[in-house]
Every structure is written in structure tokens, then in C-alpha cells.
Amino acid sequence: MKDSTKCLHSGYKPGNAGPGAMPIYQSTTFRYESTQAIADLFDLKTDTPFYSRLGNPTCSFVEQKIAALEGGVGAMLTSSGQAATLTAILTIAKAGDHILCSSTVYGGTFNLMAVTFKRMGIDVTFFEQSETDEQVEAKIKPNTKAIFGETLANPALTIFDIERFANIAHKHEIPLIIDNTFATPILCKPFDFGADIVVHSTTKYFDGHAVQVGGVVVDSGKFDWAKSSKFPEFVTPDESYHGLVYTQTFGKLAFIVKARVQIMRDLGCCQSAQAAFYINLGIETLPLRIRKHSENALAVAKHLQSHPKISRVIYPGLESDPSYELSKKYLTDGLCSGVLSLDIKGGREAGAKFIDNVKLASPEVHVADIKTCLLHPATATHRQLSDKQLEECGITPGLVRLSVGLEDLDDIIRDIDEALEKV
């Protein structure tokens, strides 16, 4: 099936006289007829649900749909996008290990990598995509467990060269983890370019209506955990499951099963059935929305390119953008999502003044919504970062992140123009 069909039909399939809409299994637990049946659950001999922290039918339907869209073998919903990144890393890394991360990532992810993982004993080194292969490889250590990047960086809007960094990762027997939130699988399928694990904040375009926080981890099933010398926990007995060996028992599903039965079991950052239902509603219209978001954003970017009060428009769909060539390689039909960044002349005060004068657009701590919204990262999502760290993330004091919605294009442009007149 094509993506637009998968968005409607993958995952949940109604039986005879079954509900046409995906049902919500609003239950924490599920009944079984014997102690042996329950014992089989705890021995991982069956994947039927028994407690909604580890699995719920409604969540499972959505997980199957997202896995189908990304081209993966399995997926696991989480309580947020941050939880998805946390879970993906902790499934393969522990205290004493090391992660290599792109410097142009979302501020929350940067903080997770630079501060929280450090407290947990996991060291993180950041790299610039402009570095040569040799410079990047020099930062890989014997205890490095993964390379992490974002398809479309938030808010720097640079495109990550997935194929290049997948080759570097695989050369050193480690997986490449990609945050595909802004692109979604409609615009980019990282597994096609060598990525091994994908994470999303489903709060963004998957949901699309600003109603439900969530995340998801998707496993490509392509990374050979047994062949790599760096992941003994995948090929040695797990005593918490009676000596089960993940690669032997689950094969290509080893990573996503381990993520669920170890990290989700112990940390409990699960998604609810009601939340999964909302996320699914968003996914059903995702192909239509992401295309319109992208078309509107490109039109806005072109309109503002020569505006006297804007020093720079950052949007990979513009031919002048440094990521334009990568956008043609990685993004479907050159569609680059609805998010762009504006560098307002006059710095921090000018950026704030612009935001304070919009009327249609909504100043809020959100992005990728059906309604146009905007944010000043230096005083909001990235305010915890130093000026040097802001520069490493590609953020200037006057930078405004603009998430172009689905309103009439003329109304969006008029609102922006009128706000800029006040700057």
C-alpha cells in the first residue's frame, strides 16, 4: 500500500461486524484463564497484552501503523518524544558508555544529552555536520554505542546527511538513531538511507492538532546486534527473564522487544489507549496536512526572503539554503515541512517585538500544529543554553521559529507583514 492508504488502513483491521473506528481498550489489565497462560506472558512466550504499561491493543494498532509507514519491523509508543529518545538510548547504552550526537538538535534533546545523560554516567560528544568523515570518526570511542541526529533540525532547519552518517556508524559497528519528527515518514524514510532506529515526537505532525503529547520508537530490524562486538547484552542471557537471549529469541525484533520488556518495564514511560486513539486520528490525515504545511511554508519563505527587516530566512526548500541539495535527496518532492526560521534584524528585542505583534499566529511553546504558531527559542525552548551552545545549535538572538499552519495563505502572510511593520 502507498503511504496515504497505510495511514488509514494499517494497524487496526475490523473483523466481521467490528467497529469501523479503531476501538479504545480503556483497561489497565487483561484476564486470562490459567496461571500457565499468565506465566507464558512473563516468560515472553506470547505477545498478547496483560498490563497496559507493557502493551495495550489500541497502542499496538498505532504502533503497527507507524512501523508500516517507516518501513520498520516494530514500534513502541511512549509518553512523549523525550521519552522516546531516552528509551532508545537506554536500550543500548549504560553508565560508562558514550554517544555521538549532532550539535544541531532540539534544545530539549541537547539538554538530555549534555546534562541528564552525564548524570547517569553516559558521556556525549557533539559534532558539526560540516566536519569531515575523519573528524567525526576521531570522536568515536571504543565505548561509543550510537550516533544521533535529526532529519530536519529543530529550529536550525538543517538536513542531516543520513546516508553519510549511517556509513560512518556501521563502519564502527554502531547504529544510527534518527529523530524524524519534522519530516515524518511521509517526507522522509530514514531506514531507506541506512538509519537503524527512528524516534518521533508524535505530539507534532503525527497528532497535528495539539491535543496529545506522545512519542514513538521504531526499529528497522536491520542492525545486526549479534555481529557487532559492542552489544553483549543482546547476545548474553538476561537473568530478569530466566536467561533469555534477545537475538536468539526475537531475531530482527531484538531491539524493540528489549526496549519494551526492559526499559518500558522499569521506567514506565508508556502511552495510554486514549492518547493512542488521538494520535491515530492525526495520522489518518497526515499525508494531506504535511503537503499543505510544506506548500504554505515555502510560499511564506519566498515572500520573506527579500524583506528589509529580515536578515535571513532558513528553509531547506529555498534554492539559496545550504540544505537545498540534501532536501532533494532526502525529502519527498522537495517538501520540507511547515517549519521555517526567521532571523529578525535587531536581535533579541526585535525578535520579541515581532512575536508580540502577531494577531492570527499564536505565540506558544509548540510547533507542527494545524494553526500557525511561532516562538523565540533564545528566550523559550533554548533559554537553558549558553550563548556558545546556542551558536552550536545554529540559533541567533533574533531567530524566530515559525510553524506555518493550514490557514489561508494570504491571511498568514498579511499577519506576518503587519507584525514586521511594528518592529
Protein backbone atom coordinates (compact mmCIF):
# COMPACT_ATOMS: atom_id res chain seq x y z
CA MET A 1 0.00 0.00 0.00
CA LYS A 2 1.01 3.62 -0.54
CA ASP A 3 1.52 5.86 2.50
CA SER A 4 -1.84 7.61 2.25
CA THR A 5 -3.54 4.21 2.31
CA LYS A 6 -1.38 2.93 5.17
CA CYS A 7 -2.36 5.97 7.21
CA LEU A 8 -5.97 4.82 7.00
CA HIS A 9 -5.74 1.03 6.93
CA SER A 10 -2.51 -0.22 8.56
CA GLY A 11 -2.59 -1.45 12.15
CA TYR A 12 -6.25 -1.91 13.00
CA LYS A 13 -8.37 -4.15 10.77
CA PRO A 14 -12.06 -4.52 11.73
CA GLY A 15 -13.44 -8.03 11.91
CA ASN A 16 -16.91 -9.05 10.79
CA ALA A 17 -19.38 -6.58 12.32
CA GLY A 18 -16.45 -4.97 14.14
CA PRO A 19 -16.27 -1.22 14.77
CA GLY A 20 -15.09 0.79 11.78
CA ALA A 21 -13.23 3.22 14.03
CA MET A 22 -10.26 1.91 15.97
CA PRO A 23 -11.58 0.92 19.42
CA ILE A 24 -10.15 2.27 22.67
CA TYR A 25 -9.20 -0.52 25.06
CA GLN A 26 -9.59 1.55 28.23
CA SER A 27 -8.27 -1.07 30.61
CA THR A 28 -5.08 -1.41 32.60
CA THR A 29 -5.24 -5.21 32.72
CA PHE A 30 -6.50 -8.21 30.76
CA ARG A 31 -7.92 -11.50 32.03
CA TYR A 32 -6.53 -14.97 31.38
CA GLU A 33 -7.97 -18.39 32.10
CA SER A 34 -4.97 -20.10 33.70
CA THR A 35 -1.80 -19.49 35.66
CA GLN A 36 0.15 -21.10 32.82
CA ALA A 37 -1.18 -18.55 30.35
CA ILE A 38 -0.01 -15.75 32.63
CA ALA A 39 3.33 -17.49 33.18
CA ASP A 40 3.85 -17.59 29.42
CA LEU A 41 3.37 -13.81 29.36
CA PHE A 42 6.14 -13.27 31.90
CA ASP A 43 8.41 -15.67 30.01
CA LEU A 44 7.81 -13.61 26.82
CA LYS A 45 6.41 -16.64 25.02
CA THR A 46 3.39 -14.66 23.79
CA ASP A 47 2.82 -11.04 22.81
CA THR A 48 -0.78 -10.80 23.99
CA PRO A 49 -1.45 -7.91 26.40
CA PHE A 50 -1.53 -8.36 30.17
CA TYR A 51 -0.76 -4.91 31.58
CA SER A 52 -1.05 -1.63 29.68
CA ARG A 53 2.37 -0.36 30.73
CA LEU A 54 3.91 -3.03 28.51
CA GLY A 55 1.21 -3.29 25.88
CA ASN A 56 -2.35 -2.26 25.09
CA PRO A 57 -4.32 -3.28 21.97
CA THR A 58 -5.13 0.32 20.99
CA CYS A 59 -1.48 1.33 21.35
CA SER A 60 -0.47 -1.78 19.42
CA PHE A 61 -2.66 -0.82 16.47
CA VAL A 62 -0.98 2.58 16.24
CA GLU A 63 2.48 1.09 16.72
CA GLN A 64 1.87 -1.27 13.80
CA LYS A 65 0.69 1.62 11.64
CA ILE A 66 3.76 3.77 12.37
CA ALA A 67 6.10 0.81 11.83
CA ALA A 68 4.46 0.22 8.45
CA LEU A 69 4.85 3.89 7.48
CA GLU A 70 8.53 3.94 8.45
CA GLY A 71 9.25 0.52 6.95
CA GLY A 72 10.29 -0.96 10.30
CA VAL A 73 9.72 -4.31 11.96
CA GLY A 74 8.20 -2.91 15.13
CA ALA A 75 7.45 0.21 17.14
CA MET A 76 6.70 1.25 20.70
CA LEU A 77 4.67 4.27 21.77
CA THR A 78 5.99 6.36 24.65
CA SER A 79 4.58 9.13 26.82
CA SER A 80 6.48 11.88 24.94
CA GLY A 81 9.11 12.48 22.30
CA GLN A 82 11.70 12.98 25.03
CA ALA A 83 10.75 9.59 26.46
CA ALA A 84 11.23 8.04 23.02
CA THR A 85 14.79 9.39 22.76
CA LEU A 86 15.54 8.39 26.36
CA THR A 87 14.22 4.86 25.77
CA ALA A 88 16.09 4.39 22.51
CA ILE A 89 19.42 5.37 24.09
CA LEU A 90 18.97 3.45 27.34
CA THR A 91 18.12 0.28 25.43
CA ILE A 92 21.69 0.19 24.09
CA ALA A 93 23.75 2.37 26.47
CA LYS A 94 24.55 2.29 30.19
CA ALA A 95 26.80 4.12 32.65
CA GLY A 96 30.31 4.23 31.24
CA ASP A 97 29.16 4.30 27.61
CA HIS A 98 29.37 7.10 25.04
CA ILE A 99 27.01 8.62 22.44
CA LEU A 100 27.93 10.82 19.45
CA CYS A 101 25.27 13.45 18.76
CA SER A 102 24.74 16.16 16.15
CA SER A 103 25.01 19.60 17.73
CA THR A 104 22.01 20.94 15.79
CA VAL A 105 19.28 19.10 17.68
CA TYR A 106 16.21 20.25 19.58
CA GLY A 107 17.10 22.12 22.80
CA GLY A 108 15.41 19.52 24.99
CA THR A 109 17.38 16.76 23.30
CA PHE A 110 20.59 18.77 23.67
CA ASN A 111 19.90 19.15 27.38
CA LEU A 112 19.09 15.44 27.73
CA MET A 113 22.35 14.54 26.03
CA ALA A 114 24.60 17.15 27.65
CA VAL A 115 23.23 17.20 31.19
CA THR A 116 20.93 14.34 32.14
CA PHE A 117 22.82 11.52 30.45
CA LYS A 118 26.01 12.87 32.03
CA ARG A 119 24.38 12.50 35.44
CA MET A 120 23.53 8.92 34.51
CA GLY A 121 27.14 8.19 33.60
CA ILE A 122 26.64 8.26 29.81
CA ASP A 123 29.10 10.58 28.09
CA VAL A 124 28.00 12.52 24.98
CA THR A 125 30.20 14.24 22.39
CA PHE A 126 28.67 16.69 19.91
CA PHE A 127 29.78 17.11 16.31
CA GLU A 128 29.09 19.50 13.45
CA GLN A 129 27.80 18.13 10.17
CA SER A 130 30.36 20.34 8.44
CA GLU A 131 33.16 18.21 9.89
CA THR A 132 34.89 15.72 7.62
CA ASP A 133 34.35 11.99 7.99
CA GLU A 134 37.79 11.74 9.56
CA GLN A 135 36.97 14.44 12.14
CA VAL A 136 33.70 12.73 13.07
CA GLU A 137 35.31 9.29 13.28
CA ALA A 138 38.02 10.68 15.54
CA LYS A 139 35.28 11.35 18.12
CA ILE A 140 34.10 7.74 18.12
CA LYS A 141 35.44 5.83 21.12
CA PRO A 142 35.62 2.11 21.92
CA ASN A 143 32.59 2.61 24.20
CA THR A 144 30.54 4.64 21.68
CA LYS A 145 27.11 3.00 21.29
CA ALA A 146 25.30 5.16 18.71
CA ILE A 147 25.25 8.26 16.51
CA PHE A 148 22.20 10.51 16.88
CA GLY A 149 20.81 13.19 14.55
CA GLU A 150 17.57 14.85 13.38
CA THR A 151 16.32 14.60 9.79
CA LEU A 152 15.26 18.25 9.99
CA ALA A 153 16.92 20.01 12.92
CA ASN A 154 14.73 21.99 15.32
CA PRO A 155 14.99 25.00 14.92
CA ALA A 156 18.17 25.20 12.80
CA LEU A 157 16.31 23.51 9.89
CA THR A 158 19.48 21.87 8.60
CA ILE A 159 19.04 18.48 6.94
CA PHE A 160 21.06 15.62 8.35
CA ASP A 161 23.03 13.63 5.77
CA ILE A 162 21.60 10.29 6.90
CA GLU A 163 23.39 8.06 4.40
CA ARG A 164 26.78 9.57 5.16
CA PHE A 165 26.50 9.14 8.92
CA ALA A 166 24.92 5.69 8.60
CA ASN A 167 28.05 4.60 6.74
CA ILE A 168 30.26 6.04 9.47
CA ALA A 169 28.20 4.38 12.21
CA HIS A 170 28.18 0.97 10.53
CA LYS A 171 31.91 1.15 9.89
CA HIS A 172 32.31 1.25 13.66
CA GLU A 173 29.61 -1.38 14.38
CA ILE A 174 27.14 1.02 15.97
CA PRO A 175 23.59 2.06 14.98
CA LEU A 176 22.41 5.41 13.64
CA ILE A 177 19.40 6.84 15.51
CA ILE A 178 17.35 9.47 13.68
CA ASP A 179 14.70 11.82 15.06
CA ASN A 180 12.27 12.07 12.14
CA THR A 181 9.70 14.31 13.85
CA PHE A 182 9.61 17.27 11.45
CA ALA A 183 9.88 15.25 8.24
CA THR A 184 7.55 12.40 9.25
CA PRO A 185 7.70 9.19 7.18
CA ILE A 186 5.59 10.95 4.55
CA LEU A 187 8.51 13.20 3.59
CA CYS A 188 11.47 11.01 4.57
CA LYS A 189 12.05 7.35 5.42
CA PRO A 190 15.42 7.25 7.21
CA PHE A 191 15.61 3.45 7.04
CA ASP A 192 15.88 3.71 3.25
CA PHE A 193 19.13 5.64 3.72
CA GLY A 194 20.73 3.35 6.30
CA ALA A 195 19.33 4.55 9.65
CA ASP A 196 18.71 1.78 12.17
CA ILE A 197 16.36 3.31 14.73
CA VAL A 198 13.88 6.19 14.36
CA VAL A 199 12.22 8.24 17.07
CA HIS A 200 9.40 10.77 16.84
CA SER A 201 7.63 13.25 19.00
CA THR A 202 4.12 12.25 17.94
CA THR A 203 2.99 15.47 19.64
CA LYS A 204 3.93 17.29 16.44
CA TYR A 205 2.74 16.41 12.91
CA PHE A 206 1.52 12.90 13.74
CA ASP A 207 -1.04 14.38 16.13
CA GLY A 208 -1.16 17.69 14.32
CA HIS A 209 -3.93 19.23 16.41
CA ALA A 210 -2.11 19.99 19.68
CA VAL A 211 -4.25 17.62 21.72
CA GLN A 212 -1.90 14.84 22.86
CA VAL A 213 1.73 14.61 23.96
CA GLY A 214 3.44 11.42 22.82
CA GLY A 215 6.41 9.72 21.26
CA VAL A 216 7.40 6.56 19.43
CA VAL A 217 10.49 4.42 18.87
CA VAL A 218 10.69 2.48 15.59
CA ASP A 219 13.07 -0.42 14.89
CA SER A 220 14.27 -1.08 11.34
CA GLY A 221 15.27 -4.64 12.22
CA LYS A 222 18.35 -4.21 10.03
CA PHE A 223 21.11 -3.70 12.58
CA ASP A 224 22.91 -6.95 13.39
CA TRP A 225 23.25 -6.80 17.18
CA ALA A 226 24.87 -10.23 17.26
CA LYS A 227 27.53 -9.35 14.70
CA SER A 228 28.62 -6.17 16.47
CA SER A 229 31.09 -6.63 19.30
CA LYS A 230 29.67 -3.66 21.23
CA PHE A 231 26.34 -5.01 22.49
CA PRO A 232 26.90 -8.09 24.68
CA GLU A 233 23.55 -7.57 26.47
CA PHE A 234 21.79 -8.57 23.23
CA VAL A 235 23.64 -11.87 22.91
CA THR A 236 24.06 -12.91 26.56
CA PRO A 237 21.33 -14.20 28.91
CA ASP A 238 19.00 -11.70 30.56
CA GLU A 239 18.58 -13.07 34.07
CA SER A 240 15.46 -10.95 34.62
CA TYR A 241 13.81 -13.21 32.01
CA HIS A 242 15.22 -16.59 33.02
CA GLY A 243 18.30 -16.35 30.84
CA LEU A 244 16.54 -15.37 27.62
CA VAL A 245 18.88 -14.15 24.82
CA TYR A 246 17.27 -11.40 22.75
CA THR A 247 18.93 -12.05 19.40
CA GLN A 248 18.28 -15.78 19.61
CA THR A 249 14.65 -15.50 20.70
CA PHE A 250 13.49 -12.45 18.76
CA GLY A 251 15.88 -12.11 15.82
CA LYS A 252 15.24 -8.85 13.94
CA LEU A 253 12.90 -7.70 16.72
CA ALA A 254 15.63 -7.87 19.36
CA PHE A 255 15.97 -4.11 19.86
CA ILE A 256 12.31 -3.14 20.08
CA VAL A 257 11.49 -6.10 22.35
CA LYS A 258 14.37 -5.24 24.67
CA ALA A 259 13.21 -1.60 24.73
CA ARG A 260 9.74 -2.70 25.79
CA VAL A 261 10.46 -5.51 28.27
CA GLN A 262 13.43 -3.84 29.96
CA ILE A 263 13.27 -0.04 29.69
CA MET A 264 9.50 0.38 29.49
CA ARG A 265 9.06 -2.27 32.16
CA ASP A 266 11.36 -0.43 34.58
CA LEU A 267 10.82 3.26 33.71
CA GLY A 268 7.15 3.09 32.79
CA CYS A 269 7.07 5.99 30.29
CA CYS A 270 4.13 4.39 28.46
CA GLN A 271 1.35 5.85 26.34
CA SER A 272 -2.35 5.50 27.16
CA ALA A 273 -5.04 3.95 24.97
CA GLN A 274 -6.98 7.22 24.82
CA ALA A 275 -3.84 9.08 23.73
CA ALA A 276 -3.09 6.48 21.06
CA PHE A 277 -6.60 6.98 19.69
CA TYR A 278 -5.98 10.73 19.29
CA ILE A 279 -2.61 10.13 17.64
CA ASN A 280 -4.23 7.74 15.18
CA LEU A 281 -6.83 10.34 14.22
CA GLY A 282 -3.99 12.70 13.33
CA ILE A 283 -2.10 10.09 11.33
CA GLU A 284 -5.15 9.41 9.16
CA THR A 285 -4.89 12.89 7.62
CA LEU A 286 -1.10 13.26 7.85
CA PRO A 287 -0.34 12.97 4.09
CA LEU A 288 -2.78 15.77 3.26
CA ARG A 289 -1.66 18.03 6.07
CA ILE A 290 2.11 17.68 5.68
CA ARG A 291 1.90 18.53 1.98
CA LYS A 292 -0.20 21.64 2.61
CA HIS A 293 2.01 22.71 5.53
CA SER A 294 5.04 22.42 3.25
CA GLU A 295 3.44 24.33 0.38
CA ASN A 296 2.36 27.17 2.66
CA ALA A 297 5.76 27.35 4.35
CA LEU A 298 7.62 27.54 1.04
CA ALA A 299 5.36 30.38 -0.12
CA VAL A 300 5.93 32.28 3.15
CA ALA A 301 9.70 31.69 2.95
CA LYS A 302 9.85 33.04 -0.61
CA HIS A 303 7.74 36.06 0.36
CA LEU A 304 10.04 36.96 3.26
CA GLN A 305 13.36 36.29 1.51
CA SER A 306 13.81 39.91 0.46
CA HIS A 307 12.06 41.58 3.41
CA PRO A 308 14.16 44.54 4.67
CA LYS A 309 13.66 43.65 8.34
CA ILE A 310 14.76 40.04 7.97
CA SER A 311 18.44 39.22 7.56
CA ARG A 312 17.92 35.54 6.80
CA VAL A 313 15.16 33.05 6.07
CA ILE A 314 16.13 29.49 6.92
CA TYR A 315 14.13 26.92 4.98
CA PRO A 316 15.66 24.00 3.04
CA GLY A 317 13.07 24.37 0.28
CA LEU A 318 14.72 27.61 -0.84
CA GLU A 319 17.33 27.21 -3.56
CA SER A 320 19.62 29.56 -1.64
CA ASP A 321 19.51 27.42 1.51
CA PRO A 322 22.64 25.41 2.36
CA SER A 323 20.50 22.28 2.83
CA TYR A 324 18.67 22.61 -0.50
CA GLU A 325 20.61 19.84 -2.26
CA LEU A 326 20.12 17.49 0.69
CA SER A 327 16.40 18.30 0.65
CA LYS A 328 16.18 16.98 -2.91
CA LYS A 329 17.91 13.77 -1.85
CA TYR A 330 16.07 13.04 1.38
CA LEU A 331 12.66 14.74 1.25
CA THR A 332 9.76 13.67 -0.99
CA ASP A 333 9.06 16.08 -3.86
CA GLY A 334 11.22 18.70 -2.17
CA LEU A 335 8.56 19.20 0.53
CA CYS A 336 10.30 20.43 3.68
CA SER A 337 7.58 20.53 6.38
CA GLY A 338 5.81 23.64 7.63
CA VAL A 339 8.58 24.92 9.89
CA LEU A 340 10.96 27.72 8.96
CA SER A 341 13.18 30.10 10.91
CA LEU A 342 13.46 33.87 10.51
CA ASP A 343 16.45 35.89 11.67
CA ILE A 344 14.95 39.27 12.58
CA LYS A 345 17.29 42.27 12.27
CA GLY A 346 17.77 43.95 15.64
CA GLY A 347 18.45 40.82 17.67
CA ARG A 348 16.65 39.65 20.80
CA GLU A 349 14.41 42.71 21.28
CA ALA A 350 13.35 42.76 17.62
CA GLY A 351 12.50 39.04 17.69
CA ALA A 352 10.36 39.51 20.79
CA LYS A 353 8.67 42.62 19.35
CA PHE A 354 7.72 40.75 16.20
CA ILE A 355 6.14 37.90 18.14
CA ASP A 356 4.28 40.28 20.46
CA ASN A 357 2.55 41.91 17.46
CA VAL A 358 1.18 38.94 15.54
CA LYS A 359 -2.59 38.52 15.74
CA LEU A 360 -3.52 35.43 13.71
CA ALA A 361 -0.44 33.40 14.59
CA SER A 362 -0.14 32.14 18.14
CA PRO A 363 2.98 32.68 20.29
CA GLU A 364 3.26 29.34 22.06
CA VAL A 365 5.63 26.58 23.10
CA HIS A 366 4.63 24.26 20.30
CA VAL A 367 5.32 23.53 16.67
CA ALA A 368 3.87 21.50 13.79
CA ASP A 369 0.24 22.36 14.57
CA ILE A 370 -2.59 22.95 12.09
CA LYS A 371 -2.65 26.56 13.30
CA THR A 372 0.25 28.92 12.65
CA CYS A 373 2.39 29.36 15.75
CA LEU A 374 5.76 30.89 16.48
CA LEU A 375 8.42 31.01 19.17
CA HIS A 376 11.60 32.86 20.14
CA PRO A 377 13.96 29.95 21.00
CA ALA A 378 16.60 32.06 22.79
CA THR A 379 14.06 33.05 25.46
CA ALA A 380 11.96 29.88 25.42
CA THR A 381 12.88 26.33 24.39
CA HIS A 382 16.63 27.01 24.36
CA ARG A 383 16.88 29.52 27.20
CA GLN A 384 18.77 26.99 29.35
CA LEU A 385 21.65 27.02 26.85
CA SER A 386 24.62 29.34 26.97
CA ASP A 387 25.32 31.74 24.08
CA LYS A 388 28.04 29.40 22.88
CA GLN A 389 25.66 26.42 22.97
CA LEU A 390 23.04 28.48 21.13
CA GLU A 391 25.55 29.15 18.38
CA GLU A 392 26.36 25.44 18.20
CA CYS A 393 22.65 24.79 17.65
CA GLY A 394 22.53 27.37 14.87
CA ILE A 395 20.47 29.88 16.87
CA THR A 396 20.95 33.66 16.93
CA PRO A 397 19.32 36.11 19.40
CA GLY A 398 16.85 37.35 16.79
CA LEU A 399 15.89 33.92 15.49
CA VAL A 400 12.15 33.17 15.40
CA ARG A 401 10.83 29.69 14.70
CA LEU A 402 7.68 29.94 12.59
CA SER A 403 5.40 26.93 12.22
CA VAL A 404 3.16 27.65 9.25
CA GLY A 405 -0.34 26.28 9.63
CA LEU A 406 -3.24 25.49 7.32
CA GLU A 407 -4.96 28.88 7.34
CA ASP A 408 -5.44 30.72 4.06
CA LEU A 409 -2.01 31.69 2.79
CA ASP A 410 -2.99 35.34 2.22
CA ASP A 411 -4.07 35.65 5.84
CA ILE A 412 -0.84 34.13 7.14
CA ILE A 413 1.33 36.48 5.07
CA ARG A 414 -0.74 39.55 5.97
CA ASP A 415 -0.39 38.79 9.69
CA ILE A 416 3.39 38.42 9.39
CA ASP A 417 3.78 41.58 7.33
CA GLU A 418 1.72 43.66 9.74
CA ALA A 419 3.72 42.39 12.74
CA LEU A 420 7.01 43.19 10.99
CA GLU A 421 5.82 46.75 10.41
CA LYS A 422 5.84 47.22 14.21
CA VAL A 423 9.48 46.09 14.55
